[in-house]
């Protein structure tokens, strides 16, 4: 009973791994069959032939006895979907910092999950996605320079094409979500975390305002579970909610506090919520400092 949540998360990761593995096997099987037909090795492509190729390739993708993944691109995708990719650069240093100084643990216990979740969100956010080094590396790579993207599991020209298509699809999805979210907010049907002024936010709440919600079919529902787009929705609504106070007032109150107010939509996830307490240290609210 005490470990049920960890076991549930582990089983969910295994389920997603199997779905990804089947998809990877089907993609490689279809590509292998098309290459064989182009070379004249087979007369035609049929569903039975695809299943035969898929069964044959499954052994090259993962070991059914141990469950270990041998396909590098699948291993990369699994780490991204389950938020368990190994950290590099600044994220790795941050994780080591939290591990080295126990007094920071109450603020941030799971650095790897949080940073991977934030990176996944940024991959879908137009403009912010260019801050992810993986996107830039794949965008610049060519079939002749695969060594620069080998760390992402890309080993062939077909893998590179698939990675580029995936990035383009994410950009289109993120752009569509941002456009629709803008329309929703202008129509008064999308909310974020509200204004940074606590008193004003309480007035809104007294009037029936609900944070981090979207109106669908005349009903207000929370959009916090719509990963990875909830951060985009919250951030966009926060920009509108704080539009008036961001002006000249930002100089007086401090640019940092307003930057944190706008980025609050990025840290309201469960695995990033500890950062809220850490960022409260920058403020001058005695009650928050006392709580911390």
C-alpha atoms as a PDB file:
ATOM      1  CA  UNK A   1       0.000   0.000   0.000  1.00  0.00           C
ATOM      2  CA  UNK A   2       2.839   2.407   0.792  1.00  0.00           C
ATOM      3  CA  UNK A   3       4.497   1.770  -2.577  1.00  0.00           C
ATOM      4  CA  UNK A   4       1.407   1.637  -4.788  1.00  0.00           C
ATOM      5  CA  UNK A   5       2.065   5.036  -6.399  1.00  0.00           C
ATOM      6  CA  UNK A   6       5.622   4.143  -7.402  1.00  0.00           C
ATOM      7  CA  UNK A   7       4.481   0.783  -8.779  1.00  0.00           C
ATOM      8  CA  UNK A   8       1.694   2.476 -10.719  1.00  0.00           C
ATOM      9  CA  UNK A   9       4.145   4.965 -12.247  1.00  0.00           C
ATOM     10  CA  UNK A  10       6.572   2.162 -13.124  1.00  0.00           C
ATOM     11  CA  UNK A  11       3.837   0.100 -14.803  1.00  0.00           C
ATOM     12  CA  UNK A  12       2.693   3.176 -16.745  1.00  0.00           C
ATOM     13  CA  UNK A  13       6.264   3.705 -17.984  1.00  0.00           C
ATOM     14  CA  UNK A  14       6.399   0.061 -19.101  1.00  0.00           C
ATOM     15  CA  UNK A  15       3.088   0.435 -20.927  1.00  0.00           C
ATOM     16  CA  UNK A  16       4.288   3.520 -22.810  1.00  0.00           C
ATOM     17  CA  UNK A  17       7.547   1.731 -23.616  1.00  0.00           C
ATOM     18  CA  UNK A  18       5.638  -1.155 -25.197  1.00  0.00           C
ATOM     19  CA  UNK A  19       3.463   1.230 -27.239  1.00  0.00           C
ATOM     20  CA  UNK A  20       6.560   3.067 -28.484  1.00  0.00           C
ATOM     21  CA  UNK A  21       8.323  -0.205 -29.247  1.00  0.00           C
ATOM     22  CA  UNK A  22       5.414  -1.500 -31.317  1.00  0.00           C
ATOM     23  CA  UNK A  23       5.245   1.796 -33.199  1.00  0.00           C
ATOM     24  CA  UNK A  24       8.997   1.729 -33.850  1.00  0.00           C
ATOM     25  CA  UNK A  25       8.798  -1.882 -35.064  1.00  0.00           C
ATOM     26  CA  UNK A  26       5.902  -1.053 -37.395  1.00  0.00           C
ATOM     27  CA  UNK A  27       7.742   1.971 -38.822  1.00  0.00           C
ATOM     28  CA  UNK A  28      10.950   0.019 -39.439  1.00  0.00           C
ATOM     29  CA  UNK A  29       8.982  -2.894 -40.928  1.00  0.00           C
ATOM     30  CA  UNK A  30       7.169  -0.637 -43.396  1.00  0.00           C
ATOM     31  CA  UNK A  31      10.427   1.070 -44.405  1.00  0.00           C
ATOM     32  CA  UNK A  32      12.193  -2.290 -44.847  1.00  0.00           C
ATOM     33  CA  UNK A  33       9.339  -3.617 -47.006  1.00  0.00           C
ATOM     34  CA  UNK A  34       9.337  -0.495 -49.194  1.00  0.00           C
ATOM     35  CA  UNK A  35      13.114  -0.727 -49.677  1.00  0.00           C
ATOM     36  CA  UNK A  36      12.807  -4.417 -50.580  1.00  0.00           C
ATOM     37  CA  UNK A  37      10.109  -3.640 -53.144  1.00  0.00           C
ATOM     38  CA  UNK A  38      12.191  -0.818 -54.631  1.00  0.00           C
ATOM     39  CA  UNK A  39      15.108  -3.220 -55.040  1.00  0.00           C
ATOM     40  CA  UNK A  40      12.845  -5.822 -56.691  1.00  0.00           C
ATOM     41  CA  UNK A  41      13.255  -8.383 -53.911  1.00  0.00           C
ATOM     42  CA  UNK A  42       9.487  -8.714 -53.343  1.00  0.00           C
ATOM     43  CA  UNK A  43       6.615  -8.378 -55.848  1.00  0.00           C
ATOM     44  CA  UNK A  44       4.227  -6.387 -53.646  1.00  0.00           C
ATOM     45  CA  UNK A  45       3.655  -5.121 -50.088  1.00  0.00           C
ATOM     46  CA  UNK A  46       0.853  -6.748 -48.122  1.00  0.00           C
ATOM     47  CA  UNK A  47      -0.336  -6.555 -44.482  1.00  0.00           C
ATOM     48  CA  UNK A  48       0.936 -10.095 -43.962  1.00  0.00           C
ATOM     49  CA  UNK A  49       4.392  -9.097 -45.194  1.00  0.00           C
ATOM     50  CA  UNK A  50       4.452  -6.074 -42.887  1.00  0.00           C
ATOM     51  CA  UNK A  51       3.583  -8.287 -39.902  1.00  0.00           C
ATOM     52  CA  UNK A  52       6.333 -10.700 -40.903  1.00  0.00           C
ATOM     53  CA  UNK A  53       8.891  -7.897 -41.061  1.00  0.00           C
ATOM     54  CA  UNK A  54       7.618  -6.480 -37.773  1.00  0.00           C
ATOM     55  CA  UNK A  55       7.979  -9.812 -35.969  1.00  0.00           C
ATOM     56  CA  UNK A  56      11.467 -10.218 -37.368  1.00  0.00           C
ATOM     57  CA  UNK A  57      12.558  -6.720 -36.294  1.00  0.00           C
ATOM     58  CA  UNK A  58      11.162  -6.907 -32.773  1.00  0.00           C
ATOM     59  CA  UNK A  59      14.178  -8.904 -31.668  1.00  0.00           C
ATOM     60  CA  UNK A  60      16.444  -6.087 -32.885  1.00  0.00           C
ATOM     61  CA  UNK A  61      14.487  -3.443 -30.972  1.00  0.00           C
ATOM     62  CA  UNK A  62      14.166  -5.014 -27.526  1.00  0.00           C
ATOM     63  CA  UNK A  63      14.952  -8.253 -25.714  1.00  0.00           C
ATOM     64  CA  UNK A  64      11.635  -9.938 -24.830  1.00  0.00           C
ATOM     65  CA  UNK A  65      13.303 -11.870 -21.991  1.00  0.00           C
ATOM     66  CA  UNK A  66      14.891  -8.941 -20.152  1.00  0.00           C
ATOM     67  CA  UNK A  67      12.931  -6.006 -21.571  1.00  0.00           C
ATOM     68  CA  UNK A  68      16.158  -4.144 -22.357  1.00  0.00           C
ATOM     69  CA  UNK A  69      15.942  -1.754 -25.319  1.00  0.00           C
ATOM     70  CA  UNK A  70      18.586  -2.156 -28.008  1.00  0.00           C
ATOM     71  CA  UNK A  71      17.208   0.440 -30.444  1.00  0.00           C
ATOM     72  CA  UNK A  72      18.887   3.775 -29.631  1.00  0.00           C
ATOM     73  CA  UNK A  73      16.087   5.956 -31.053  1.00  0.00           C
ATOM     74  CA  UNK A  74      13.474   4.035 -29.056  1.00  0.00           C
ATOM     75  CA  UNK A  75      15.557   4.433 -25.890  1.00  0.00           C
ATOM     76  CA  UNK A  76      15.690   8.192 -26.503  1.00  0.00           C
ATOM     77  CA  UNK A  77      11.916   8.369 -27.071  1.00  0.00           C
ATOM     78  CA  UNK A  78      11.225   6.335 -23.926  1.00  0.00           C
ATOM     79  CA  UNK A  79      13.320   8.670 -21.804  1.00  0.00           C
ATOM     80  CA  UNK A  80      11.469  11.669 -23.216  1.00  0.00           C
ATOM     81  CA  UNK A  81       7.957  10.261 -22.757  1.00  0.00           C
ATOM     82  CA  UNK A  82       8.596   8.952 -19.227  1.00  0.00           C
ATOM     83  CA  UNK A  83      10.606  12.078 -18.220  1.00  0.00           C
ATOM     84  CA  UNK A  84      13.604   9.936 -17.233  1.00  0.00           C
ATOM     85  CA  UNK A  85      16.267  11.180 -19.671  1.00  0.00           C
ATOM     86  CA  UNK A  86      19.701  11.643 -18.158  1.00  0.00           C
ATOM     87  CA  UNK A  87      20.428  15.290 -17.475  1.00  0.00           C
ATOM     88  CA  UNK A  88      23.259  17.160 -19.158  1.00  0.00           C
ATOM     89  CA  UNK A  89      24.788  20.620 -18.883  1.00  0.00           C
ATOM     90  CA  UNK A  90      23.072  23.032 -16.508  1.00  0.00           C
ATOM     91  CA  UNK A  91      20.396  20.518 -15.537  1.00  0.00           C
ATOM     92  CA  UNK A  92      22.972  17.955 -14.499  1.00  0.00           C
ATOM     93  CA  UNK A  93      24.810  20.548 -12.420  1.00  0.00           C
ATOM     94  CA  UNK A  94      21.525  21.597 -10.804  1.00  0.00           C
ATOM     95  CA  UNK A  95      20.723  18.006  -9.913  1.00  0.00           C
ATOM     96  CA  UNK A  96      24.183  17.568  -8.386  1.00  0.00           C
ATOM     97  CA  UNK A  97      23.690  20.791  -6.413  1.00  0.00           C
ATOM     98  CA  UNK A  98      20.424  19.591  -4.905  1.00  0.00           C
ATOM     99  CA  UNK A  99      22.000  16.225  -4.108  1.00  0.00           C
ATOM    100  CA  UNK A 100      25.027  17.833  -2.481  1.00  0.00           C
ATOM    101  CA  UNK A 101      23.147  20.287  -0.247  1.00  0.00           C
ATOM    102  CA  UNK A 102      20.301  18.526   1.613  1.00  0.00           C
ATOM    103  CA  UNK A 103      18.801  21.819   2.803  1.00  0.00           C
ATOM    104  CA  UNK A 104      17.519  22.429  -0.747  1.00  0.00           C
ATOM    105  CA  UNK A 105      15.677  19.097  -0.911  1.00  0.00           C
ATOM    106  CA  UNK A 106      12.379  20.444   0.549  1.00  0.00           C
ATOM    107  CA  UNK A 107      12.228  22.860  -2.382  1.00  0.00           C
ATOM    108  CA  UNK A 108      13.166  20.498  -5.160  1.00  0.00           C
ATOM    109  CA  UNK A 109      13.265  16.741  -4.686  1.00  0.00           C
ATOM    110  CA  UNK A 110      13.119  15.411  -8.243  1.00  0.00           C
ATOM    111  CA  UNK A 111      15.291  17.551 -10.504  1.00  0.00           C
ATOM    112  CA  UNK A 112      15.422  15.090 -13.401  1.00  0.00           C
ATOM    113  CA  UNK A 113      11.650  14.747 -13.741  1.00  0.00           C
ATOM    114  CA  UNK A 114      11.050  18.482 -13.512  1.00  0.00           C
ATOM    115  CA  UNK A 115      13.711  19.503 -16.003  1.00  0.00           C
ATOM    116  CA  UNK A 116      12.678  16.813 -18.477  1.00  0.00           C
ATOM    117  CA  UNK A 117       9.058  17.933 -18.159  1.00  0.00           C
ATOM    118  CA  UNK A 118      10.021  21.545 -18.751  1.00  0.00           C
ATOM    119  CA  UNK A 119      12.106  20.575 -21.788  1.00  0.00           C
ATOM    120  CA  UNK A 120       9.193  18.585 -23.246  1.00  0.00           C
ATOM    121  CA  UNK A 121       6.931  21.615 -22.806  1.00  0.00           C
ATOM    122  CA  UNK A 122       9.468  23.930 -24.465  1.00  0.00           C
ATOM    123  CA  UNK A 123       9.694  21.594 -27.461  1.00  0.00           C
ATOM    124  CA  UNK A 124       6.023  22.389 -28.144  1.00  0.00           C
ATOM    125  CA  UNK A 125       6.268  26.141 -27.440  1.00  0.00           C
ATOM    126  CA  UNK A 126       7.041  28.224 -30.567  1.00  0.00           C
ATOM    127  CA  UNK A 127      10.042  30.446 -29.919  1.00  0.00           C
ATOM    128  CA  UNK A 128      11.029  28.663 -26.716  1.00  0.00           C
ATOM    129  CA  UNK A 129      11.717  25.458 -28.644  1.00  0.00           C
ATOM    130  CA  UNK A 130      14.826  27.046 -30.135  1.00  0.00           C
ATOM    131  CA  UNK A 131      16.283  27.186 -26.609  1.00  0.00           C
ATOM    132  CA  UNK A 132      16.437  23.378 -26.614  1.00  0.00           C
ATOM    133  CA  UNK A 133      19.835  22.308 -27.972  1.00  0.00           C
ATOM    134  CA  UNK A 134      18.405  19.041 -29.324  1.00  0.00           C
ATOM    135  CA  UNK A 135      16.091  20.929 -31.695  1.00  0.00           C
ATOM    136  CA  UNK A 136      18.937  23.062 -33.052  1.00  0.00           C
ATOM    137  CA  UNK A 137      21.256  20.082 -33.476  1.00  0.00           C
ATOM    138  CA  UNK A 138      18.654  18.098 -35.426  1.00  0.00           C
ATOM    139  CA  UNK A 139      17.642  21.114 -37.529  1.00  0.00           C
ATOM    140  CA  UNK A 140      21.254  21.719 -38.620  1.00  0.00           C
ATOM    141  CA  UNK A 141      22.118  18.052 -39.184  1.00  0.00           C
ATOM    142  CA  UNK A 142      22.341  16.504 -42.652  1.00  0.00           C
ATOM    143  CA  UNK A 143      22.649  12.863 -43.745  1.00  0.00           C
ATOM    144  CA  UNK A 144      26.399  13.519 -44.055  1.00  0.00           C
ATOM    145  CA  UNK A 145      26.736  14.817 -40.467  1.00  0.00           C
ATOM    146  CA  UNK A 146      24.887  12.183 -38.444  1.00  0.00           C
ATOM    147  CA  UNK A 147      27.680  12.058 -35.877  1.00  0.00           C
ATOM    148  CA  UNK A 148      26.383  15.338 -34.394  1.00  0.00           C
ATOM    149  CA  UNK A 149      22.979  13.792 -33.604  1.00  0.00           C
ATOM    150  CA  UNK A 150      24.038  10.255 -32.738  1.00  0.00           C
ATOM    151  CA  UNK A 151      23.521  11.042 -29.040  1.00  0.00           C
ATOM    152  CA  UNK A 152      19.791  11.429 -29.792  1.00  0.00           C
ATOM    153  CA  UNK A 153      19.580   7.889 -31.162  1.00  0.00           C
ATOM    154  CA  UNK A 154      19.679   9.021 -34.806  1.00  0.00           C
ATOM    155  CA  UNK A 155      21.826   6.628 -36.832  1.00  0.00           C
ATOM    156  CA  UNK A 156      20.426   6.709 -40.362  1.00  0.00           C
ATOM    157  CA  UNK A 157      19.141   9.291 -42.829  1.00  0.00           C
ATOM    158  CA  UNK A 158      15.633   7.886 -42.334  1.00  0.00           C
ATOM    159  CA  UNK A 159      15.906   8.432 -38.569  1.00  0.00           C
ATOM    160  CA  UNK A 160      17.006  12.025 -39.179  1.00  0.00           C
ATOM    161  CA  UNK A 161      14.064  12.627 -41.515  1.00  0.00           C
ATOM    162  CA  UNK A 162      11.676  11.221 -38.895  1.00  0.00           C
ATOM    163  CA  UNK A 163      13.206  13.435 -36.179  1.00  0.00           C
ATOM    164  CA  UNK A 164      12.889  16.550 -38.350  1.00  0.00           C
ATOM    165  CA  UNK A 165       9.268  15.692 -39.163  1.00  0.00           C
ATOM    166  CA  UNK A 166       8.524  15.186 -35.459  1.00  0.00           C
ATOM    167  CA  UNK A 167       9.955  18.606 -34.613  1.00  0.00           C
ATOM    168  CA  UNK A 168       7.964  20.266 -37.383  1.00  0.00           C
ATOM    169  CA  UNK A 169       4.802  18.560 -36.156  1.00  0.00           C
ATOM    170  CA  UNK A 170       5.420  19.781 -32.621  1.00  0.00           C
ATOM    171  CA  UNK A 171       5.967  23.328 -33.891  1.00  0.00           C
ATOM    172  CA  UNK A 172       2.668  23.225 -35.795  1.00  0.00           C
ATOM    173  CA  UNK A 173       0.829  21.801 -32.773  1.00  0.00           C
ATOM    174  CA  UNK A 174       2.296  24.387 -30.416  1.00  0.00           C
ATOM    175  CA  UNK A 175       1.494  27.230 -32.816  1.00  0.00           C
ATOM    176  CA  UNK A 176      -2.086  26.008 -33.215  1.00  0.00           C
ATOM    177  CA  UNK A 177      -2.539  25.728 -29.455  1.00  0.00           C
ATOM    178  CA  UNK A 178      -1.142  29.246 -28.902  1.00  0.00           C
ATOM    179  CA  UNK A 179      -3.442  30.725 -31.575  1.00  0.00           C
ATOM    180  CA  UNK A 180      -6.529  29.001 -30.173  1.00  0.00           C
ATOM    181  CA  UNK A 181      -5.499  29.911 -26.623  1.00  0.00           C
ATOM    182  CA  UNK A 182      -5.179  33.575 -27.626  1.00  0.00           C
ATOM    183  CA  UNK A 183      -8.707  33.523 -29.027  1.00  0.00           C
ATOM    184  CA  UNK A 184     -10.011  31.786 -25.924  1.00  0.00           C
ATOM    185  CA  UNK A 185      -8.408  34.332 -23.615  1.00  0.00           C
ATOM    186  CA  UNK A 186      -9.723  37.286 -25.611  1.00  0.00           C
ATOM    187  CA  UNK A 187     -13.200  35.753 -25.384  1.00  0.00           C
ATOM    188  CA  UNK A 188     -12.847  35.380 -21.597  1.00  0.00           C
ATOM    189  CA  UNK A 189     -12.790  31.583 -21.774  1.00  0.00           C
ATOM    190  CA  UNK A 190      -9.232  30.886 -20.579  1.00  0.00           C
ATOM    191  CA  UNK A 191      -7.561  31.612 -17.239  1.00  0.00           C
ATOM    192  CA  UNK A 192      -4.041  31.250 -15.901  1.00  0.00           C
ATOM    193  CA  UNK A 193      -2.701  31.934 -12.425  1.00  0.00           C
ATOM    194  CA  UNK A 194      -4.234  35.396 -12.303  1.00  0.00           C
ATOM    195  CA  UNK A 195      -2.621  38.736 -11.495  1.00  0.00           C
ATOM    196  CA  UNK A 196       0.481  38.890  -9.303  1.00  0.00           C
ATOM    197  CA  UNK A 197      -1.383  41.250  -6.947  1.00  0.00           C
ATOM    198  CA  UNK A 198      -2.782  38.921  -4.260  1.00  0.00           C
ATOM    199  CA  UNK A 199      -5.589  41.290  -3.258  1.00  0.00           C
ATOM    200  CA  UNK A 200      -6.769  41.677  -6.833  1.00  0.00           C
ATOM    201  CA  UNK A 201      -6.651  37.913  -7.361  1.00  0.00           C
ATOM    202  CA  UNK A 202      -8.809  37.383  -4.262  1.00  0.00           C
ATOM    203  CA  UNK A 203     -11.367  39.833  -5.649  1.00  0.00           C
ATOM    204  CA  UNK A 204     -11.436  37.831  -8.885  1.00  0.00           C
ATOM    205  CA  UNK A 205     -11.868  34.569  -6.962  1.00  0.00           C
ATOM    206  CA  UNK A 206     -14.720  36.071  -4.927  1.00  0.00           C
ATOM    207  CA  UNK A 207     -16.415  36.859  -8.232  1.00  0.00           C
ATOM    208  CA  UNK A 208     -16.257  33.211  -9.340  1.00  0.00           C
ATOM    209  CA  UNK A 209     -12.958  33.324 -11.235  1.00  0.00           C
ATOM    210  CA  UNK A 210     -11.199  29.933 -11.413  1.00  0.00           C
ATOM    211  CA  UNK A 211      -7.425  29.631 -11.976  1.00  0.00           C
ATOM    212  CA  UNK A 212      -5.857  27.495 -14.735  1.00  0.00           C
ATOM    213  CA  UNK A 213      -9.163  26.640 -16.383  1.00  0.00           C
ATOM    214  CA  UNK A 214     -10.667  26.660 -19.868  1.00  0.00           C
ATOM    215  CA  UNK A 215     -14.295  26.914 -20.927  1.00  0.00           C
ATOM    216  CA  UNK A 216     -15.379  24.041 -23.157  1.00  0.00           C
ATOM    217  CA  UNK A 217     -18.985  23.695 -24.250  1.00  0.00           C
ATOM    218  CA  UNK A 218     -20.113  26.249 -21.684  1.00  0.00           C
ATOM    219  CA  UNK A 219     -18.423  24.382 -18.803  1.00  0.00           C
ATOM    220  CA  UNK A 220     -15.233  25.455 -16.991  1.00  0.00           C
ATOM    221  CA  UNK A 221     -12.702  22.621 -16.679  1.00  0.00           C
ATOM    222  CA  UNK A 222      -9.121  22.570 -15.418  1.00  0.00           C
ATOM    223  CA  UNK A 223      -6.431  22.391 -18.111  1.00  0.00           C
ATOM    224  CA  UNK A 224      -3.649  21.318 -15.716  1.00  0.00           C
ATOM    225  CA  UNK A 225      -3.764  17.739 -17.015  1.00  0.00           C
ATOM    226  CA  UNK A 226      -3.405  18.775 -20.674  1.00  0.00           C
ATOM    227  CA  UNK A 227       0.341  18.161 -20.778  1.00  0.00           C
ATOM    228  CA  UNK A 228       2.521  19.486 -22.278  1.00  0.00           C
ATOM    229  CA  UNK A 229       0.238  22.378 -23.315  1.00  0.00           C
ATOM    230  CA  UNK A 230      -0.971  23.505 -19.877  1.00  0.00           C
ATOM    231  CA  UNK A 231       2.193  25.582 -19.427  1.00  0.00           C
ATOM    232  CA  UNK A 232       1.559  27.329 -22.757  1.00  0.00           C
ATOM    233  CA  UNK A 233      -2.066  28.024 -21.815  1.00  0.00           C
ATOM    234  CA  UNK A 234      -1.176  29.270 -18.324  1.00  0.00           C
ATOM    235  CA  UNK A 235       1.725  31.382 -19.531  1.00  0.00           C
ATOM    236  CA  UNK A 236      -0.358  33.024 -22.233  1.00  0.00           C
ATOM    237  CA  UNK A 237      -3.197  33.811 -19.823  1.00  0.00           C
ATOM    238  CA  UNK A 238      -0.706  35.122 -17.236  1.00  0.00           C
ATOM    239  CA  UNK A 239       0.654  37.574 -19.786  1.00  0.00           C
ATOM    240  CA  UNK A 240      -2.832  38.990 -20.266  1.00  0.00           C
ATOM    241  CA  UNK A 241      -3.681  39.012 -16.548  1.00  0.00           C
ATOM    242  CA  UNK A 242      -0.511  40.973 -15.688  1.00  0.00           C
ATOM    243  CA  UNK A 243      -0.523  43.224 -18.739  1.00  0.00           C
ATOM    244  CA  UNK A 244      -1.192  46.444 -16.843  1.00  0.00           C
ATOM    245  CA  UNK A 245       1.270  45.861 -14.018  1.00  0.00           C
ATOM    246  CA  UNK A 246       4.136  44.866 -16.284  1.00  0.00           C
ATOM    247  CA  UNK A 247       4.532  48.440 -17.568  1.00  0.00           C
ATOM    248  CA  UNK A 248       6.271  51.190 -15.577  1.00  0.00           C
ATOM    249  CA  UNK A 249       5.357  49.376 -12.358  1.00  0.00           C
ATOM    250  CA  UNK A 250       7.895  46.683 -13.223  1.00  0.00           C
ATOM    251  CA  UNK A 251      10.781  49.068 -12.569  1.00  0.00           C
ATOM    252  CA  UNK A 252       9.489  49.932  -9.098  1.00  0.00           C
ATOM    253  CA  UNK A 253       8.586  46.446  -7.913  1.00  0.00           C
ATOM    254  CA  UNK A 254      11.490  44.679  -9.579  1.00  0.00           C
ATOM    255  CA  UNK A 255      11.669  42.970 -12.932  1.00  0.00           C
ATOM    256  CA  UNK A 256      12.517  39.666 -11.294  1.00  0.00           C
ATOM    257  CA  UNK A 257       9.263  39.445  -9.328  1.00  0.00           C
ATOM    258  CA  UNK A 258       7.192  40.028 -12.459  1.00  0.00           C
ATOM    259  CA  UNK A 259       9.258  37.582 -14.486  1.00  0.00           C
ATOM    260  CA  UNK A 260       8.515  35.008 -11.809  1.00  0.00           C
ATOM    261  CA  UNK A 261       4.814  35.908 -11.902  1.00  0.00           C
ATOM    262  CA  UNK A 262       4.704  35.290 -15.644  1.00  0.00           C
ATOM    263  CA  UNK A 263       6.673  32.051 -15.394  1.00  0.00           C
ATOM    264  CA  UNK A 264       4.506  30.710 -12.577  1.00  0.00           C
ATOM    265  CA  UNK A 265       2.502  28.771 -15.121  1.00  0.00           C
ATOM    266  CA  UNK A 266       5.677  26.785 -15.828  1.00  0.00           C
ATOM    267  CA  UNK A 267       6.193  25.749 -12.198  1.00  0.00           C
ATOM    268  CA  UNK A 268       2.675  24.816 -11.090  1.00  0.00           C
ATOM    269  CA  UNK A 269       3.259  21.216 -12.179  1.00  0.00           C
ATOM    270  CA  UNK A 270       3.554  18.783  -9.293  1.00  0.00           C
ATOM    271  CA  UNK A 271       7.196  17.984 -10.023  1.00  0.00           C
ATOM    272  CA  UNK A 272       8.148  21.678 -10.279  1.00  0.00           C
ATOM    273  CA  UNK A 273       5.991  23.072  -7.500  1.00  0.00           C
ATOM    274  CA  UNK A 274       8.875  23.170  -5.027  1.00  0.00           C
ATOM    275  CA  UNK A 275      10.390  25.985  -7.044  1.00  0.00           C
ATOM    276  CA  UNK A 276       7.469  28.214  -6.024  1.00  0.00           C
ATOM    277  CA  UNK A 277       8.742  28.273  -2.460  1.00  0.00           C
ATOM    278  CA  UNK A 278      12.276  28.826  -3.659  1.00  0.00           C
ATOM    279  CA  UNK A 279      11.253  31.808  -5.802  1.00  0.00           C
ATOM    280  CA  UNK A 280       9.247  33.290  -2.903  1.00  0.00           C
ATOM    281  CA  UNK A 281      12.582  33.981  -1.246  1.00  0.00           C
ATOM    282  CA  UNK A 282      13.038  36.825  -3.746  1.00  0.00           C
ATOM    283  CA  UNK A 283       9.955  38.605  -2.422  1.00  0.00           C
ATOM    284  CA  UNK A 284       9.454  40.726   0.679  1.00  0.00           C
ATOM    285  CA  UNK A 285       6.307  39.097   2.009  1.00  0.00           C
ATOM    286  CA  UNK A 286       6.897  38.256   5.728  1.00  0.00           C
ATOM    287  CA  UNK A 287       4.123  35.645   5.745  1.00  0.00           C
ATOM    288  CA  UNK A 288       5.704  33.710   2.881  1.00  0.00           C
ATOM    289  CA  UNK A 289       9.136  33.892   4.470  1.00  0.00           C
ATOM    290  CA  UNK A 290       7.665  32.683   7.750  1.00  0.00           C
ATOM    291  CA  UNK A 291       6.001  29.752   6.000  1.00  0.00           C
ATOM    292  CA  UNK A 292       9.268  28.845   4.238  1.00  0.00           C
END
